[in-house]
PDB file of N, CA and C in Angstrom:
ATOM      1  N   MET A   1     109.263  91.828  75.074  1.00  0.00           N
ATOM      2  CA  MET A   1     110.480  92.192  75.877  1.00  0.00           C
ATOM      3  C   MET A   1     109.867  93.022  76.954  1.00  0.00           C
ATOM      4  N   PRO A   2     109.240  92.444  77.855  1.00  0.00           N
ATOM      5  CA  PRO A   2     108.696  93.133  79.193  1.00  0.00           C
ATOM      6  C   PRO A   2     109.830  93.809  80.065  1.00  0.00           C
ATOM      7  N   GLU A   3     109.514  95.051  80.620  1.00  0.00           N
ATOM      8  CA  GLU A   3     110.434  95.698  81.379  1.00  0.00           C
ATOM      9  C   GLU A   3     109.538  95.981  82.620  1.00  0.00           C
ATOM     10  N   ILE A   4     110.400  95.844  83.768  1.00  0.00           N
ATOM     11  CA  ILE A   4     109.707  96.296  85.077  1.00  0.00           C
ATOM     12  C   ILE A   4     110.615  97.395  85.638  1.00  0.00           C
ATOM     13  N   ILE A   5     110.027  98.623  86.237  1.00  0.00           N
ATOM     14  CA  ILE A   5     110.770  99.544  86.882  1.00  0.00           C
ATOM     15  C   ILE A   5     110.122  99.659  88.039  1.00  0.00           C
ATOM     16  N   VAL A   6     111.116  99.542  89.161  1.00  0.00           N
ATOM     17  CA  VAL A   6     110.818  99.829  90.702  1.00  0.00           C
ATOM     18  C   VAL A   6     111.547 101.093  91.082  1.00  0.00           C
ATOM     19  N   TYR A   7     110.558 101.986  91.636  1.00  0.00           N
ATOM     20  CA  TYR A   7     111.168 103.030  92.317  1.00  0.00           C
ATOM     21  C   TYR A   7     111.162 102.885  93.665  1.00  0.00           C
ATOM     22  N   ALA A   8     112.259 103.345  94.336  1.00  0.00           N
ATOM     23  CA  ALA A   8     112.461 103.126  95.752  1.00  0.00           C
ATOM     24  C   ALA A   8     113.493 104.074  96.374  1.00  0.00           C
ATOM     25  N   ALA A   9     113.324 104.244  97.673  1.00  0.00           N
ATOM     26  CA  ALA A   9     114.261 105.019  98.491  1.00  0.00           C
ATOM     27  C   ALA A   9     115.618 104.256  98.596  1.00  0.00           C
ATOM     28  N   GLU A  10     116.761 104.932  98.592  1.00  0.00           N
ATOM     29  CA  GLU A  10     118.029 104.302  98.713  1.00  0.00           C
ATOM     30  C   GLU A  10     118.049 103.540 100.129  1.00  0.00           C
ATOM     31  N   GLY A  11     118.925 102.434 100.172  1.00  0.00           N
ATOM     32  CA  GLY A  11     119.258 101.941 101.536  1.00  0.00           C
ATOM     33  C   GLY A  11     119.043 100.411 101.447  1.00  0.00           C
ATOM     34  N   ARG A  12     118.637  99.804 100.429  1.00  0.00           N
ATOM     35  CA  ARG A  12     118.615  98.229 100.358  1.00  0.00           C
ATOM     36  C   ARG A  12     119.931  97.738 100.056  1.00  0.00           C
ATOM     37  N   SER A  13     120.341  96.656 100.410  1.00  0.00           N
ATOM     38  CA  SER A  13     121.522  95.961 100.120  1.00  0.00           C
ATOM     39  C   SER A  13     121.518  95.274  98.686  1.00  0.00           C
ATOM     40  N   ALA A  14     122.792  95.224  98.289  1.00  0.00           N
ATOM     41  CA  ALA A  14     122.875  94.453  96.929  1.00  0.00           C
ATOM     42  C   ALA A  14     122.018  93.182  96.859  1.00  0.00           C
ATOM     43  N   GLU A  15     122.238  92.362  97.902  1.00  0.00           N
ATOM     44  CA  GLU A  15     121.451  91.166  97.944  1.00  0.00           C
ATOM     45  C   GLU A  15     119.960  91.138  97.957  1.00  0.00           C
ATOM     46  N   GLN A  16     119.501  92.180  98.797  1.00  0.00           N
ATOM     47  CA  GLN A  16     118.116  92.395  98.623  1.00  0.00           C
ATOM     48  C   GLN A  16     117.584  92.708  97.258  1.00  0.00           C
ATOM     49  N   LYS A  17     118.307  93.735  96.680  1.00  0.00           N
ATOM     50  CA  LYS A  17     117.900  94.005  95.388  1.00  0.00           C
ATOM     51  C   LYS A  17     118.056  92.793  94.173  1.00  0.00           C
ATOM     52  N   LYS A  18     118.973  92.096  94.288  1.00  0.00           N
ATOM     53  CA  LYS A  18     119.161  90.812  93.435  1.00  0.00           C
ATOM     54  C   LYS A  18     117.864  89.899  93.700  1.00  0.00           C
ATOM     55  N   SER A  19     117.679  89.770  95.043  1.00  0.00           N
ATOM     56  CA  SER A  19     116.570  88.891  95.072  1.00  0.00           C
ATOM     57  C   SER A  19     115.387  89.306  94.675  1.00  0.00           C
ATOM     58  N   LEU A  20     115.151  90.727  94.782  1.00  0.00           N
ATOM     59  CA  LEU A  20     113.920  91.342  94.291  1.00  0.00           C
ATOM     60  C   LEU A  20     113.529  91.163  92.808  1.00  0.00           C
ATOM     61  N   MET A  21     114.799  91.445  92.204  1.00  0.00           N
ATOM     62  CA  MET A  21     114.816  91.259  90.689  1.00  0.00           C
ATOM     63  C   MET A  21     114.616  89.850  90.172  1.00  0.00           C
ATOM     64  N   LYS A  22     115.163  88.801  90.919  1.00  0.00           N
ATOM     65  CA  LYS A  22     115.038  87.384  90.552  1.00  0.00           C
ATOM     66  C   LYS A  22     113.425  87.017  90.758  1.00  0.00           C
ATOM     67  N   ASP A  23     112.798  87.518  91.767  1.00  0.00           N
ATOM     68  CA  ASP A  23     111.390  87.336  92.055  1.00  0.00           C
ATOM     69  C   ASP A  23     110.677  87.809  91.081  1.00  0.00           C
ATOM     70  N   LEU A  24     110.929  89.100  90.673  1.00  0.00           N
ATOM     71  CA  LEU A  24     109.926  89.928  89.823  1.00  0.00           C
ATOM     72  C   LEU A  24     110.163  89.158  88.300  1.00  0.00           C
ATOM     73  N   THR A  25     111.389  88.695  87.955  1.00  0.00           N
ATOM     74  CA  THR A  25     111.523  88.004  86.674  1.00  0.00           C
ATOM     75  C   THR A  25     110.726  86.723  86.694  1.00  0.00           C
ATOM     76  N   ASP A  26     110.826  85.993  87.812  1.00  0.00           N
ATOM     77  CA  ASP A  26     110.051  84.693  87.890  1.00  0.00           C
ATOM     78  C   ASP A  26     108.546  84.890  87.674  1.00  0.00           C
ATOM     79  N   ALA A  27     108.042  86.032  88.381  1.00  0.00           N
ATOM     80  CA  ALA A  27     106.591  86.367  88.245  1.00  0.00           C
ATOM     81  C   ALA A  27     106.130  86.715  86.742  1.00  0.00           C
ATOM     82  N   MET A  28     107.191  87.509  86.155  1.00  0.00           N
ATOM     83  CA  MET A  28     107.068  87.784  84.777  1.00  0.00           C
ATOM     84  C   MET A  28     106.859  86.491  83.914  1.00  0.00           C
ATOM     85  N   VAL A  29     107.831  85.634  84.039  1.00  0.00           N
ATOM     86  CA  VAL A  29     107.979  84.324  83.587  1.00  0.00           C
ATOM     87  C   VAL A  29     106.772  83.551  83.573  1.00  0.00           C
ATOM     88  N   LYS A  30     106.325  83.280  84.901  1.00  0.00           N
ATOM     89  CA  LYS A  30     105.129  82.659  85.231  1.00  0.00           C
ATOM     90  C   LYS A  30     103.894  83.382  84.598  1.00  0.00           C
ATOM     91  N   ASN A  31     103.647  84.575  84.823  1.00  0.00           N
ATOM     92  CA  ASN A  31     102.232  85.212  84.448  1.00  0.00           C
ATOM     93  C   ASN A  31     102.236  85.544  83.036  1.00  0.00           C
ATOM     94  N   PHE A  32     103.334  85.995  82.245  1.00  0.00           N
ATOM     95  CA  PHE A  32     103.315  86.386  81.030  1.00  0.00           C
ATOM     96  C   PHE A  32     103.754  85.389  79.970  1.00  0.00           C
ATOM     97  N   GLY A  33     104.179  84.302  80.574  1.00  0.00           N
ATOM     98  CA  GLY A  33     104.867  83.141  79.661  1.00  0.00           C
ATOM     99  C   GLY A  33     106.096  83.712  78.624  1.00  0.00           C
ATOM    100  N   VAL A  34     106.835  84.201  79.123  1.00  0.00           N
ATOM    101  CA  VAL A  34     108.012  84.777  78.364  1.00  0.00           C
ATOM    102  C   VAL A  34     109.348  84.038  79.069  1.00  0.00           C
ATOM    103  N   PRO A  35     110.279  83.983  78.257  1.00  0.00           N
ATOM    104  CA  PRO A  35     111.619  83.468  78.987  1.00  0.00           C
ATOM    105  C   PRO A  35     112.413  84.541  79.637  1.00  0.00           C
ATOM    106  N   ALA A  36     112.966  84.013  80.860  1.00  0.00           N
ATOM    107  CA  ALA A  36     113.558  84.976  81.795  1.00  0.00           C
ATOM    108  C   ALA A  36     114.606  85.893  80.947  1.00  0.00           C
ATOM    109  N   GLU A  37     115.233  85.397  79.896  1.00  0.00           N
ATOM    110  CA  GLU A  37     116.281  86.159  79.243  1.00  0.00           C
ATOM    111  C   GLU A  37     115.740  87.579  78.593  1.00  0.00           C
ATOM    112  N   VAL A  38     114.243  87.538  78.465  1.00  0.00           N
ATOM    113  CA  VAL A  38     113.718  88.860  77.853  1.00  0.00           C
ATOM    114  C   VAL A  38     113.377  89.766  78.777  1.00  0.00           C
ATOM    115  N   VAL A  39     113.198  89.422  80.177  1.00  0.00           N
ATOM    116  CA  VAL A  39     112.786  90.204  81.177  1.00  0.00           C
ATOM    117  C   VAL A  39     113.835  91.360  81.655  1.00  0.00           C
ATOM    118  N   THR A  40     113.632  92.343  81.645  1.00  0.00           N
ATOM    119  CA  THR A  40     114.572  93.374  82.170  1.00  0.00           C
ATOM    120  C   THR A  40     113.815  94.106  83.415  1.00  0.00           C
ATOM    121  N   VAL A  41     114.734  94.197  84.475  1.00  0.00           N
ATOM    122  CA  VAL A  41     114.156  94.677  85.609  1.00  0.00           C
ATOM    123  C   VAL A  41     115.192  95.811  85.995  1.00  0.00           C
ATOM    124  N   GLN A  42     114.647  96.965  86.238  1.00  0.00           N
ATOM    125  CA  GLN A  42     115.476  98.185  86.686  1.00  0.00           C
ATOM    126  C   GLN A  42     114.964  98.843  88.219  1.00  0.00           C
ATOM    127  N   ILE A  43     115.929  98.931  88.852  1.00  0.00           N
ATOM    128  CA  ILE A  43     115.594  99.498  90.186  1.00  0.00           C
ATOM    129  C   ILE A  43     116.055 100.926  90.247  1.00  0.00           C
ATOM    130  N   VAL A  44     115.265 101.973  90.429  1.00  0.00           N
ATOM    131  CA  VAL A  44     115.664 103.384  90.357  1.00  0.00           C
ATOM    132  C   VAL A  44     115.593 103.901  91.701  1.00  0.00           C
ATOM    133  N   GLU A  45     116.917 104.129  92.318  1.00  0.00           N
ATOM    134  CA  GLU A  45     116.747 104.680  93.770  1.00  0.00           C
ATOM    135  C   GLU A  45     116.834 106.123  93.781  1.00  0.00           C
ATOM    136  N   ALA A  46     116.282 106.761  94.888  1.00  0.00           N
ATOM    137  CA  ALA A  46     116.294 108.002  94.948  1.00  0.00           C
ATOM    138  C   ALA A  46     116.931 108.372  96.435  1.00  0.00           C
ATOM    139  N   PRO A  47     117.792 109.365  96.473  1.00  0.00           N
ATOM    140  CA  PRO A  47     118.446 109.661  97.886  1.00  0.00           C
ATOM    141  C   PRO A  47     117.070 109.968  98.980  1.00  0.00           C
ATOM    142  N   LYS A  48     117.487 109.342 100.027  1.00  0.00           N
ATOM    143  CA  LYS A  48     116.228 109.471 101.294  1.00  0.00           C
ATOM    144  C   LYS A  48     115.807 110.993 101.332  1.00  0.00           C
ATOM    145  N   ALA A  49     116.735 111.977 101.173  1.00  0.00           N
ATOM    146  CA  ALA A  49     116.480 113.345 101.407  1.00  0.00           C
ATOM    147  C   ALA A  49     115.499 113.963 100.059  1.00  0.00           C
ATOM    148  N   ASN A  50     115.648 113.133  99.225  1.00  0.00           N
ATOM    149  CA  ASN A  50     114.810 113.583  97.714  1.00  0.00           C
ATOM    150  C   ASN A  50     113.480 112.997  97.890  1.00  0.00           C
ATOM    151  N   LYS A  51     113.025 112.103  98.624  1.00  0.00           N
ATOM    152  CA  LYS A  51     111.866 111.313  98.624  1.00  0.00           C
ATOM    153  C   LYS A  51     110.997 111.546 100.118  1.00  0.00           C
ATOM    154  N   ALA A  52     109.866 111.702  99.916  1.00  0.00           N
ATOM    155  CA  ALA A  52     109.046 112.177 101.153  1.00  0.00           C
ATOM    156  C   ALA A  52     107.596 111.333 101.035  1.00  0.00           C
ATOM    157  N   LYS A  53     107.178 110.926 102.209  1.00  0.00           N
ATOM    158  CA  LYS A  53     105.777 110.394 102.306  1.00  0.00           C
ATOM    159  C   LYS A  53     105.103 111.213 103.383  1.00  0.00           C
ATOM    160  N   GLY A  54     103.884 111.594 102.877  1.00  0.00           N
ATOM    161  CA  GLY A  54     103.197 112.513 104.039  1.00  0.00           C
ATOM    162  C   GLY A  54     103.888 113.865 104.234  1.00  0.00           C
ATOM    163  N   GLY A  55     104.666 114.238 103.564  1.00  0.00           N
ATOM    164  CA  GLY A  55     105.417 115.353 103.641  1.00  0.00           C
ATOM    165  C   GLY A  55     106.665 115.395 104.585  1.00  0.00           C
ATOM    166  N   ILE A  56     107.058 114.215 104.825  1.00  0.00           N
ATOM    167  CA  ILE A  56     108.288 113.929 105.828  1.00  0.00           C
ATOM    168  C   ILE A  56     109.251 113.102 104.960  1.00  0.00           C
ATOM    169  N   PRO A  57     110.321 113.856 104.910  1.00  0.00           N
ATOM    170  CA  PRO A  57     111.433 113.302 104.030  1.00  0.00           C
ATOM    171  C   PRO A  57     111.757 111.770 104.627  1.00  0.00           C
ATOM    172  N   PHE A  58     112.051 110.767 103.760  1.00  0.00           N
ATOM    173  CA  PHE A  58     112.590 109.621 104.338  1.00  0.00           C
ATOM    174  C   PHE A  58     113.817 109.660 105.004  1.00  0.00           C
ATOM    175  N   SER A  59     114.677 110.628 105.046  1.00  0.00           N
ATOM    176  CA  SER A  59     115.825 110.969 105.790  1.00  0.00           C
ATOM    177  C   SER A  59     115.552 111.272 107.172  1.00  0.00           C
ATOM    178  N   GLU A  60     114.317 111.603 107.391  1.00  0.00           N
ATOM    179  CA  GLU A  60     113.889 112.049 108.705  1.00  0.00           C
ATOM    180  C   GLU A  60     113.073 110.987 109.356  1.00  0.00           C
ATOM    181  N   ARG A  61     112.831 109.994 108.720  1.00  0.00           N
ATOM    182  CA  ARG A  61     112.005 108.879 109.462  1.00  0.00           C
ATOM    183  C   ARG A  61     112.903 107.861 110.059  1.00  0.00           C
TER     184      ARG A  61
END
């Protein structure tokens, strides 16, 4: 029962997240040889003020 966890700053649309989850599921099916029904994908979103890159919060980018 493979599980994929994606950490990201908030701001993607529901459609973008759905598409990503489908693509990740398809990749797991193809490469691990498991049925799609057993693949779990979770997107963990952080508020942009709580995530930084290079010391600059995403909310300031």
